[in-house]
Amino acid sequence: SRSGGSTDYADVVKGRFTVSRDNAKSTVYLQMNSLKPE
């Protein structure tokens, strides 16, 4: 969300991916762990 206070994930990535944002840097990140071929 705009505030960064709410996030949502698809079931297929929940627990492995993390979204975050740094508005001061005008950048959003997606940390992806435990990657799978799919």
All heavy atoms as atom14 arrays in JSON, in Angstrom:
{
  "sequence": "SRSGGSTDYADVVKGRFTVSRDNAKSTVYLQMNSLKPE",
  "atom14_mask": [
    [1, 1, 1, 1, 1, 1, 0, 0, 0, 0, 0, 0, 0, 0],
    [1, 1, 1, 1, 1, 1, 1, 1, 1, 1, 1, 0, 0, 0],
    [1, 1, 1, 1, 1, 1, 0, 0, 0, 0, 0, 0, 0, 0],
    [1, 1, 1, 1, 0, 0, 0, 0, 0, 0, 0, 0, 0, 0],
    [1, 1, 1, 1, 0, 0, 0, 0, 0, 0, 0, 0, 0, 0],
    [1, 1, 1, 1, 1, 1, 0, 0, 0, 0, 0, 0, 0, 0],
    [1, 1, 1, 1, 1, 1, 1, 0, 0, 0, 0, 0, 0, 0],
    [1, 1, 1, 1, 1, 1, 1, 1, 0, 0, 0, 0, 0, 0],
    [1, 1, 1, 1, 1, 1, 1, 1, 1, 1, 1, 1, 0, 0],
    [1, 1, 1, 1, 1, 0, 0, 0, 0, 0, 0, 0, 0, 0],
    [1, 1, 1, 1, 1, 1, 1, 1, 0, 0, 0, 0, 0, 0],
    [1, 1, 1, 1, 1, 1, 1, 0, 0, 0, 0, 0, 0, 0],
    [1, 1, 1, 1, 1, 1, 1, 0, 0, 0, 0, 0, 0, 0],
    [1, 1, 1, 1, 1, 1, 1, 1, 1, 0, 0, 0, 0, 0],
    [1, 1, 1, 1, 0, 0, 0, 0, 0, 0, 0, 0, 0, 0],
    [1, 1, 1, 1, 1, 1, 1, 1, 1, 1, 1, 0, 0, 0],
    [1, 1, 1, 1, 1, 1, 1, 1, 1, 1, 1, 0, 0, 0],
    [1, 1, 1, 1, 1, 1, 1, 0, 0, 0, 0, 0, 0, 0],
    [1, 1, 1, 1, 1, 1, 1, 0, 0, 0, 0, 0, 0, 0],
    [1, 1, 1, 1, 1, 1, 0, 0, 0, 0, 0, 0, 0, 0],
    [1, 1, 1, 1, 1, 1, 1, 1, 1, 1, 1, 0, 0, 0],
    [1, 1, 1, 1, 1, 1, 1, 1, 0, 0, 0, 0, 0, 0],
    [1, 1, 1, 1, 1, 1, 1, 1, 0, 0, 0, 0, 0, 0],
    [1, 1, 1, 1, 1, 0, 0, 0, 0, 0, 0, 0, 0, 0],
    [1, 1, 1, 1, 1, 1, 1, 1, 1, 0, 0, 0, 0, 0],
    [1, 1, 1, 1, 1, 1, 0, 0, 0, 0, 0, 0, 0, 0],
    [1, 1, 1, 1, 1, 1, 1, 0, 0, 0, 0, 0, 0, 0],
    [1, 1, 1, 1, 1, 1, 1, 0, 0, 0, 0, 0, 0, 0],
    [1, 1, 1, 1, 1, 1, 1, 1, 1, 1, 1, 1, 0, 0],
    [1, 1, 1, 1, 1, 1, 1, 1, 0, 0, 0, 0, 0, 0],
    [1, 1, 1, 1, 1, 1, 1, 1, 1, 0, 0, 0, 0, 0],
    [1, 1, 1, 1, 1, 1, 1, 1, 0, 0, 0, 0, 0, 0],
    [1, 1, 1, 1, 1, 1, 1, 1, 0, 0, 0, 0, 0, 0],
    [1, 1, 1, 1, 1, 1, 0, 0, 0, 0, 0, 0, 0, 0],
    [1, 1, 1, 1, 1, 1, 1, 1, 0, 0, 0, 0, 0, 0],
    [1, 1, 1, 1, 1, 1, 1, 1, 1, 0, 0, 0, 0, 0],
    [1, 1, 1, 1, 1, 1, 1, 0, 0, 0, 0, 0, 0, 0],
    [1, 1, 1, 1, 1, 1, 1, 1, 1, 0, 0, 0, 0, 0]
  ],
  "atom14_positions": [
    [[0.82, -1.21, 0.0], [0.0, 0.0, 0.0], [0.85, 1.26, 0.0], [2.07, 1.22, 0.2], [-0.91, 0.0, 1.23], [-0.12, 0.05, 2.42], [0.0, 0.0, 0.0], [0.0, 0.0, 0.0], [0.0, 0.0, 0.0], [0.0, 0.0, 0.0], [0.0, 0.0, 0.0], [0.0, 0.0, 0.0], [0.0, 0.0, 0.0], [0.0, 0.0, 0.0]],
    [[0.19, 2.4, -0.21], [0.89, 3.68, -0.2], [1.64, 3.9, 1.1], [2.78, 4.38, 1.1], [-0.11, 4.83, -0.4], [-0.6, 5.02, -1.8], [-1.31, 6.34, -1.94], [-2.67, 6.33, -1.46], [-3.2, 7.25, -0.67], [-2.45, 8.23, -0.2], [-4.47, 7.19, -0.33], [0.0, 0.0, 0.0], [0.0, 0.0, 0.0], [0.0, 0.0, 0.0]],
    [[1.01, 3.53, 2.19], [1.63, 3.76, 3.49], [2.73, 2.76, 3.8], [3.55, 2.98, 4.69], [0.56, 3.67, 4.59], [0.11, 2.33, 4.72], [0.0, 0.0, 0.0], [0.0, 0.0, 0.0], [0.0, 0.0, 0.0], [0.0, 0.0, 0.0], [0.0, 0.0, 0.0], [0.0, 0.0, 0.0], [0.0, 0.0, 0.0], [0.0, 0.0, 0.0]],
    [[2.7, 1.64, 3.06], [3.63, 0.57, 3.38], [3.12, -0.33, 4.5], [3.73, -1.34, 4.81], [0.0, 0.0, 0.0], [0.0, 0.0, 0.0], [0.0, 0.0, 0.0], [0.0, 0.0, 0.0], [0.0, 0.0, 0.0], [0.0, 0.0, 0.0], [0.0, 0.0, 0.0], [0.0, 0.0, 0.0], [0.0, 0.0, 0.0], [0.0, 0.0, 0.0]],
    [[1.98, 0.05, 5.07], [1.47, -0.7, 6.2], [0.71, -1.96, 5.85], [0.48, -2.81, 6.71], [0.0, 0.0, 0.0], [0.0, 0.0, 0.0], [0.0, 0.0, 0.0], [0.0, 0.0, 0.0], [0.0, 0.0, 0.0], [0.0, 0.0, 0.0], [0.0, 0.0, 0.0], [0.0, 0.0, 0.0], [0.0, 0.0, 0.0], [0.0, 0.0, 0.0]],
    [[0.31, -2.06, 4.6], [-0.42, -3.26, 4.16], [0.28, -3.9, 2.98], [0.72, -3.2, 2.06], [-1.85, -2.88, 3.74], [-2.58, -2.41, 4.83], [0.0, 0.0, 0.0], [0.0, 0.0, 0.0], [0.0, 0.0, 0.0], [0.0, 0.0, 0.0], [0.0, 0.0, 0.0], [0.0, 0.0, 0.0], [0.0, 0.0, 0.0], [0.0, 0.0, 0.0]],
    [[0.39, -5.2, 3.04], [0.97, -5.97, 1.95], [0.07, -7.18, 1.69], [-0.74, -7.57, 2.54], [2.39, -6.46, 2.27], [2.34, -7.27, 3.46], [3.35, -5.31, 2.48], [0.0, 0.0, 0.0], [0.0, 0.0, 0.0], [0.0, 0.0, 0.0], [0.0, 0.0, 0.0], [0.0, 0.0, 0.0], [0.0, 0.0, 0.0], [0.0, 0.0, 0.0]],
    [[0.23, -7.74, 0.52], [-0.52, -8.94, 0.17], [0.34, -9.8, -0.74], [1.15, -9.28, -1.51], [-1.83, -8.56, -0.54], [-2.76, -9.75, -0.67], [-2.78, -10.62, 0.23], [-3.48, -9.84, -1.69], [0.0, 0.0, 0.0], [0.0, 0.0, 0.0], [0.0, 0.0, 0.0], [0.0, 0.0, 0.0], [0.0, 0.0, 0.0], [0.0, 0.0, 0.0]],
    [[0.13, -11.11, -0.63], [0.92, -12.05, -1.41], [0.03, -13.15, -1.97], [-0.91, -13.61, -1.31], [2.0, -12.7, -0.54], [3.0, -11.71, 0.04], [2.78, -11.14, 1.28], [4.14, -11.36, -0.67], [3.68, -10.23, 1.82], [5.05, -10.46, -0.14], [4.81, -9.89, 1.1], [5.71, -9.0, 1.63], [0.0, 0.0, 0.0], [0.0, 0.0, 0.0]],
    [[0.38, -13.59, -3.16], [-0.26, -14.79, -3.69], [0.22, -15.99, -2.88], [1.35, -16.01, -2.39], [0.09, -14.95, -5.16], [0.0, 0.0, 0.0], [0.0, 0.0, 0.0], [0.0, 0.0, 0.0], [0.0, 0.0, 0.0], [0.0, 0.0, 0.0], [0.0, 0.0, 0.0], [0.0, 0.0, 0.0], [0.0, 0.0, 0.0], [0.0, 0.0, 0.0]],
    [[-0.62, -16.99, -2.79], [-0.27, -18.17, -2.01], [1.02, -18.81, -2.5], [1.78, -19.37, -1.7], [-1.41, -19.18, -2.07], [-2.61, -18.75, -1.25], [-2.47, -17.84, -0.4], [-3.7, -19.32, -1.46], [0.0, 0.0, 0.0], [0.0, 0.0, 0.0], [0.0, 0.0, 0.0], [0.0, 0.0, 0.0], [0.0, 0.0, 0.0], [0.0, 0.0, 0.0]],
    [[1.26, -18.74, -3.79], [2.43, -19.43, -4.36], [3.75, -18.8, -3.93], [4.8, -19.43, -4.06], [2.36, -19.49, -5.9], [1.24, -20.41, -6.35], [2.23, -18.11, -6.5], [0.0, 0.0, 0.0], [0.0, 0.0, 0.0], [0.0, 0.0, 0.0], [0.0, 0.0, 0.0], [0.0, 0.0, 0.0], [0.0, 0.0, 0.0], [0.0, 0.0, 0.0]],
    [[3.72, -17.57, -3.41], [4.96, -16.92, -2.99], [4.95, -16.57, -1.51], [5.97, -16.14, -0.97], [5.26, -15.65, -3.81], [5.29, -15.98, -5.3], [4.26, -14.54, -3.52], [0.0, 0.0, 0.0], [0.0, 0.0, 0.0], [0.0, 0.0, 0.0], [0.0, 0.0, 0.0], [0.0, 0.0, 0.0], [0.0, 0.0, 0.0], [0.0, 0.0, 0.0]],
    [[3.83, -16.74, -0.86], [3.71, -16.35, 0.55], [4.74, -17.1, 1.39], [4.91, -18.31, 1.25], [2.3, -16.64, 1.02], [1.91, -15.94, 2.32], [0.42, -16.13, 2.6], [-0.44, -15.4, 1.59], [-1.89, -15.52, 1.89], [0.0, 0.0, 0.0], [0.0, 0.0, 0.0], [0.0, 0.0, 0.0], [0.0, 0.0, 0.0], [0.0, 0.0, 0.0]],
    [[5.41, -16.36, 2.25], [6.43, -16.95, 3.1], [7.8, -17.01, 2.46], [8.8, -17.28, 3.14], [0.0, 0.0, 0.0], [0.0, 0.0, 0.0], [0.0, 0.0, 0.0], [0.0, 0.0, 0.0], [0.0, 0.0, 0.0], [0.0, 0.0, 0.0], [0.0, 0.0, 0.0], [0.0, 0.0, 0.0], [0.0, 0.0, 0.0], [0.0, 0.0, 0.0]],
    [[7.88, -16.75, 1.15], [9.17, -16.77, 0.45], [9.55, -15.39, -0.07], [10.74, -15.06, -0.12], [9.12, -17.75, -0.73], [8.83, -19.18, -0.32], [8.98, -20.12, -1.51], [8.04, -19.85, -2.59], [8.4, -19.59, -3.83], [9.68, -19.55, -4.18], [7.47, -19.37, -4.76], [0.0, 0.0, 0.0], [0.0, 0.0, 0.0], [0.0, 0.0, 0.0]],
    [[8.57, -14.61, -0.46], [8.81, -13.28, -1.04], [8.39, -12.21, -0.04], [7.41, -12.37, 0.69], [8.01, -13.09, -2.33], [8.47, -13.93, -3.5], [9.4, -14.95, -3.36], [7.95, -13.67, -4.76], [9.8, -15.71, -4.44], [8.35, -14.42, -5.86], [9.27, -15.45, -5.69], [0.0, 0.0, 0.0], [0.0, 0.0, 0.0], [0.0, 0.0, 0.0]],
    [[9.11, -11.1, -0.06], [8.79, -9.97, 0.79], [8.87, -8.68, -0.01], [9.9, -8.41, -0.64], [9.74, -9.88, 1.99], [9.71, -11.1, 2.72], [9.35, -8.73, 2.91], [0.0, 0.0, 0.0], [0.0, 0.0, 0.0], [0.0, 0.0, 0.0], [0.0, 0.0, 0.0], [0.0, 0.0, 0.0], [0.0, 0.0, 0.0], [0.0, 0.0, 0.0]],
    [[7.81, -7.91, 0.03], [7.78, -6.61, -0.66], [8.02, -5.51, 0.35], [7.57, -5.58, 1.51], [6.43, -6.41, -1.4], [5.25, -6.41, -0.44], [6.47, -5.15, -2.25], [0.0, 0.0, 0.0], [0.0, 0.0, 0.0], [0.0, 0.0, 0.0], [0.0, 0.0, 0.0], [0.0, 0.0, 0.0], [0.0, 0.0, 0.0], [0.0, 0.0, 0.0]],
    [[8.74, -4.49, -0.09], [8.99, -3.33, 0.76], [9.14, -2.1, -0.12], [9.31, -2.22, -1.34], [10.24, -3.54, 1.62], [11.39, -3.71, 0.81], [0.0, 0.0, 0.0], [0.0, 0.0, 0.0], [0.0, 0.0, 0.0], [0.0, 0.0, 0.0], [0.0, 0.0, 0.0], [0.0, 0.0, 0.0], [0.0, 0.0, 0.0], [0.0, 0.0, 0.0]],
    [[9.1, -0.94, 0.5], [9.24, 0.29, -0.27], [10.03, 1.31, 0.51], [9.99, 1.34, 1.75], [7.87, 0.85, -0.65], [7.0, 1.29, 0.5], [5.58, 1.62, 0.01], [5.57, 2.73, -0.93], [4.59, 2.98, -1.79], [3.54, 2.17, -1.85], [4.64, 4.02, -2.61], [0.0, 0.0, 0.0], [0.0, 0.0, 0.0], [0.0, 0.0, 0.0]],
    [[10.74, 2.13, -0.23], [11.49, 3.24, 0.33], [11.09, 4.47, -0.47], [11.65, 4.74, -1.54], [12.99, 2.98, 0.24], [13.82, 4.05, 0.94], [13.32, 5.18, 1.12], [14.96, 3.77, 1.28], [0.0, 0.0, 0.0], [0.0, 0.0, 0.0], [0.0, 0.0, 0.0], [0.0, 0.0, 0.0], [0.0, 0.0, 0.0], [0.0, 0.0, 0.0]],
    [[10.1, 5.18, 0.03], [9.59, 6.33, -0.72], [10.64, 7.41, -0.9], [10.65, 8.12, -1.9], [8.36, 6.91, -0.02], [7.14, 6.01, -0.18], [7.05, 5.2, -1.1], [6.2, 6.13, 0.75], [0.0, 0.0, 0.0], [0.0, 0.0, 0.0], [0.0, 0.0, 0.0], [0.0, 0.0, 0.0], [0.0, 0.0, 0.0], [0.0, 0.0, 0.0]],
    [[11.53, 7.55, 0.06], [12.58, 8.57, -0.05], [13.5, 8.29, -1.24], [14.03, 9.22, -1.85], [13.39, 8.64, 1.24], [0.0, 0.0, 0.0], [0.0, 0.0, 0.0], [0.0, 0.0, 0.0], [0.0, 0.0, 0.0], [0.0, 0.0, 0.0], [0.0, 0.0, 0.0], [0.0, 0.0, 0.0], [0.0, 0.0, 0.0], [0.0, 0.0, 0.0]],
    [[13.66, 7.01, -1.55], [14.48, 6.62, -2.69], [13.65, 6.33, -3.94], [14.2, 5.91, -4.96], [15.32, 5.39, -2.34], [16.36, 5.62, -1.26], [17.19, 4.38, -1.02], [18.27, 4.64, 0.03], [19.1, 3.42, 0.28], [0.0, 0.0, 0.0], [0.0, 0.0, 0.0], [0.0, 0.0, 0.0], [0.0, 0.0, 0.0], [0.0, 0.0, 0.0]],
    [[12.34, 6.51, -3.81], [11.42, 6.22, -4.92], [11.65, 4.83, -5.48], [11.66, 4.62, -6.71], [11.59, 7.27, -6.04], [11.18, 8.54, -5.6], [0.0, 0.0, 0.0], [0.0, 0.0, 0.0], [0.0, 0.0, 0.0], [0.0, 0.0, 0.0], [0.0, 0.0, 0.0], [0.0, 0.0, 0.0], [0.0, 0.0, 0.0], [0.0, 0.0, 0.0]],
    [[11.8, 3.87, -4.59], [12.11, 2.51, -5.0], [11.31, 1.51, -4.19], [11.08, 1.7, -2.99], [13.62, 2.23, -4.83], [14.36, 3.18, -5.57], [13.96, 0.83, -5.33], [0.0, 0.0, 0.0], [0.0, 0.0, 0.0], [0.0, 0.0, 0.0], [0.0, 0.0, 0.0], [0.0, 0.0, 0.0], [0.0, 0.0, 0.0], [0.0, 0.0, 0.0]],
    [[10.88, 0.49, -4.87], [10.18, -0.63, -4.25], [11.0, -1.89, -4.51], [11.63, -2.02, -5.55], [8.76, -0.79, -4.83], [8.03, -1.94, -4.19], [7.99, 0.51, -4.65], [0.0, 0.0, 0.0], [0.0, 0.0, 0.0], [0.0, 0.0, 0.0], [0.0, 0.0, 0.0], [0.0, 0.0, 0.0], [0.0, 0.0, 0.0], [0.0, 0.0, 0.0]],
    [[10.98, -2.79, -3.54], [11.79, -3.99, -3.62], [10.92, -5.24, -3.51], [9.86, -5.23, -2.88], [12.81, -4.0, -2.48], [13.69, -2.77, -2.44], [13.39, -1.71, -1.59], [14.8, -2.66, -3.27], [14.17, -0.57, -1.56], [15.6, -1.52, -3.24], [15.28, -0.49, -2.38], [16.07, 0.64, -2.36], [0.0, 0.0, 0.0], [0.0, 0.0, 0.0]],
    [[11.41, -6.3, -4.09], [10.81, -7.6, -3.91], [11.95, -8.58, -3.6], [12.74, -8.91, -4.48], [10.04, -8.06, -5.15], [9.28, -9.37, -4.98], [8.13, -9.19, -4.0], [8.75, -9.88, -6.32], [0.0, 0.0, 0.0], [0.0, 0.0, 0.0], [0.0, 0.0, 0.0], [0.0, 0.0, 0.0], [0.0, 0.0, 0.0], [0.0, 0.0, 0.0]],
    [[12.04, -8.95, -2.34], [13.04, -9.94, -1.92], [12.47, -11.33, -2.16], [11.4, -11.66, -1.62], [13.38, -9.75, -0.44], [14.37, -10.75, 0.1], [15.75, -10.6, -0.52], [16.26, -9.48, -0.66], [16.37, -11.72, -0.86], [0.0, 0.0, 0.0], [0.0, 0.0, 0.0], [0.0, 0.0, 0.0], [0.0, 0.0, 0.0], [0.0, 0.0, 0.0]],
    [[13.17, -12.11, -2.94], [12.68, -13.44, -3.3], [13.66, -14.48, -2.76], [14.82, -14.52, -3.18], [12.56, -13.56, -4.82], [11.7, -12.47, -5.44], [11.36, -12.73, -7.2], [13.02, -12.68, -7.87], [0.0, 0.0, 0.0], [0.0, 0.0, 0.0], [0.0, 0.0, 0.0], [0.0, 0.0, 0.0], [0.0, 0.0, 0.0], [0.0, 0.0, 0.0]],
    [[13.19, -15.29, -1.85], [14.0, -16.35, -1.25], [13.42, -17.72, -1.6], [12.29, -17.83, -2.06], [14.03, -16.19, 0.27], [14.66, -14.88, 0.71], [15.56, -14.34, 0.04], [14.19, -14.34, 1.82], [0.0, 0.0, 0.0], [0.0, 0.0, 0.0], [0.0, 0.0, 0.0], [0.0, 0.0, 0.0], [0.0, 0.0, 0.0], [0.0, 0.0, 0.0]],
    [[14.22, -18.73, -1.36], [13.78, -20.12, -1.6], [13.19, -20.27, -2.99], [12.11, -20.85, -3.17], [12.76, -20.54, -0.53], [13.3, -20.42, 0.76], [0.0, 0.0, 0.0], [0.0, 0.0, 0.0], [0.0, 0.0, 0.0], [0.0, 0.0, 0.0], [0.0, 0.0, 0.0], [0.0, 0.0, 0.0], [0.0, 0.0, 0.0], [0.0, 0.0, 0.0]],
    [[13.89, -19.76, -3.97], [13.38, -19.75, -5.34], [13.22, -21.15, -5.89], [14.0, -22.06, -5.56], [14.29, -18.92, -6.23], [14.15, -17.4, -6.04], [15.34, -16.67, -6.65], [12.85, -16.9, -6.64], [0.0, 0.0, 0.0], [0.0, 0.0, 0.0], [0.0, 0.0, 0.0], [0.0, 0.0, 0.0], [0.0, 0.0, 0.0], [0.0, 0.0, 0.0]],
    [[12.21, -21.29, -6.73], [11.88, -22.56, -7.36], [11.88, -22.37, -8.87], [11.65, -21.25, -9.35], [10.5, -23.03, -6.91], [10.31, -23.11, -5.41], [8.87, -23.45, -5.08], [8.63, -23.5, -3.58], [7.21, -23.84, -3.26], [0.0, 0.0, 0.0], [0.0, 0.0, 0.0], [0.0, 0.0, 0.0], [0.0, 0.0, 0.0], [0.0, 0.0, 0.0]],
    [[12.07, -23.43, -9.63], [12.01, -23.3, -11.1], [10.68, -22.7, -11.58], [10.67, -21.97, -12.58], [12.17, -24.75, -11.57], [13.0, -25.38, -10.5], [12.51, -24.77, -9.22], [0.0, 0.0, 0.0], [0.0, 0.0, 0.0], [0.0, 0.0, 0.0], [0.0, 0.0, 0.0], [0.0, 0.0, 0.0], [0.0, 0.0, 0.0], [0.0, 0.0, 0.0]],
    [[9.61, -22.97, -10.88], [8.31, -22.41, -11.28], [8.2, -20.91, -11.03], [7.21, -20.29, -11.44], [7.16, -23.14, -10.58], [7.3, -23.28, -9.1], [7.89, -24.62, -8.69], [8.88, -25.06, -9.32], [7.37, -25.23, -7.72], [0.0, 0.0, 0.0], [0.0, 0.0, 0.0], [0.0, 0.0, 0.0], [0.0, 0.0, 0.0], [0.0, 0.0, 0.0]]
  ]
}
